[in-house]
Amino acid sequence: MATLANLQATVIGPLSPADFSGATAIQTAINAGFNGIDDAAVADTIVGVEMLNVLGNAYVVVFYKAS
């Protein structure tokens, strides 16, 4: 049976509507969030990504397998 003991999540955001006005700003913010994950088991361990919208702000939730 598989174990989910090392499954982690990190939240990137809030990303305001103004962040989406230019591709560079939103790409930089999202890349910084992914680069901030420093306890992943290996580079290809992302399990899933969800986008949430709360009060007009966007949040990216990244689920990954930690080492």
Protein backbone atom coordinates (compact mmCIF):
# COMPACT_ATOMS: atom_id res chain seq x y z
CA MET A 1 0.00 0.00 0.00
CA ALA A 2 1.27 3.48 -0.85
CA THR A 3 1.91 5.98 1.90
CA LEU A 4 1.08 9.67 1.74
CA ALA A 5 3.19 10.50 4.79
CA ASN A 6 5.56 12.78 2.88
CA LEU A 7 2.92 14.57 0.82
CA GLN A 8 3.23 18.33 1.32
CA ALA A 9 1.53 21.45 -0.01
CA THR A 10 2.72 24.98 -0.52
CA VAL A 11 0.68 28.05 -1.42
CA ILE A 12 1.84 30.63 -3.94
CA GLY A 13 0.00 33.90 -3.50
CA PRO A 14 -1.99 35.93 -3.04
CA LEU A 15 -1.76 37.00 -6.66
CA SER A 16 -3.85 40.12 -7.24
CA PRO A 17 -5.72 40.90 -10.46
CA ALA A 18 -3.02 43.49 -11.20
CA ASP A 19 -0.42 40.70 -11.22
CA PHE A 20 -2.21 39.22 -14.24
CA SER A 21 -1.96 42.43 -16.27
CA GLY A 22 1.41 41.39 -17.67
CA ALA A 23 2.81 37.96 -18.39
CA THR A 24 6.18 38.78 -16.86
CA ALA A 25 4.88 39.69 -13.40
CA ILE A 26 2.69 36.62 -12.97
CA GLN A 27 5.34 34.28 -14.40
CA THR A 28 7.96 35.70 -12.03
CA ALA A 29 5.66 35.28 -9.01
CA ILE A 30 4.74 31.69 -9.86
CA ASN A 31 8.34 30.72 -10.68
CA ALA A 32 9.50 32.17 -7.37
CA GLY A 33 6.90 30.05 -5.57
CA PHE A 34 8.02 26.87 -7.30
CA ASN A 35 11.68 27.70 -6.69
CA GLY A 36 10.87 28.17 -3.00
CA ILE A 37 10.06 24.48 -2.63
CA ASP A 38 13.32 23.18 -1.25
CA ASP A 39 12.30 19.92 0.40
CA ALA A 40 10.99 18.04 -2.65
CA ALA A 41 12.21 14.45 -3.01
CA VAL A 42 13.29 14.93 -6.63
CA ALA A 43 12.61 17.50 -9.34
CA ASP A 44 9.65 15.62 -10.85
CA THR A 45 7.73 14.96 -7.63
CA ILE A 46 4.82 17.39 -8.13
CA VAL A 47 1.59 15.52 -7.53
CA GLY A 48 -0.87 18.24 -8.46
CA VAL A 49 -1.54 21.95 -8.80
CA GLU A 50 -4.80 23.70 -7.96
CA MET A 51 -5.80 27.31 -8.56
CA LEU A 52 -8.05 28.94 -5.97
CA ASN A 53 -9.76 32.31 -6.12
CA VAL A 54 -10.49 34.04 -2.80
CA LEU A 55 -11.91 37.56 -2.65
CA GLY A 56 -10.52 38.42 -6.07
CA ASN A 57 -7.03 37.12 -5.37
CA ALA A 58 -5.61 33.97 -6.92
CA TYR A 59 -3.67 31.32 -5.02
CA VAL A 60 -1.76 28.43 -6.55
CA VAL A 61 -1.58 25.35 -4.32
CA VAL A 62 1.21 22.94 -5.22
CA PHE A 63 1.08 19.38 -3.86
CA TYR A 64 4.37 17.51 -3.92
CA LYS A 65 6.22 14.56 -2.42
CA ALA A 66 8.80 15.77 0.12
CA SER A 67 12.06 14.00 0.79
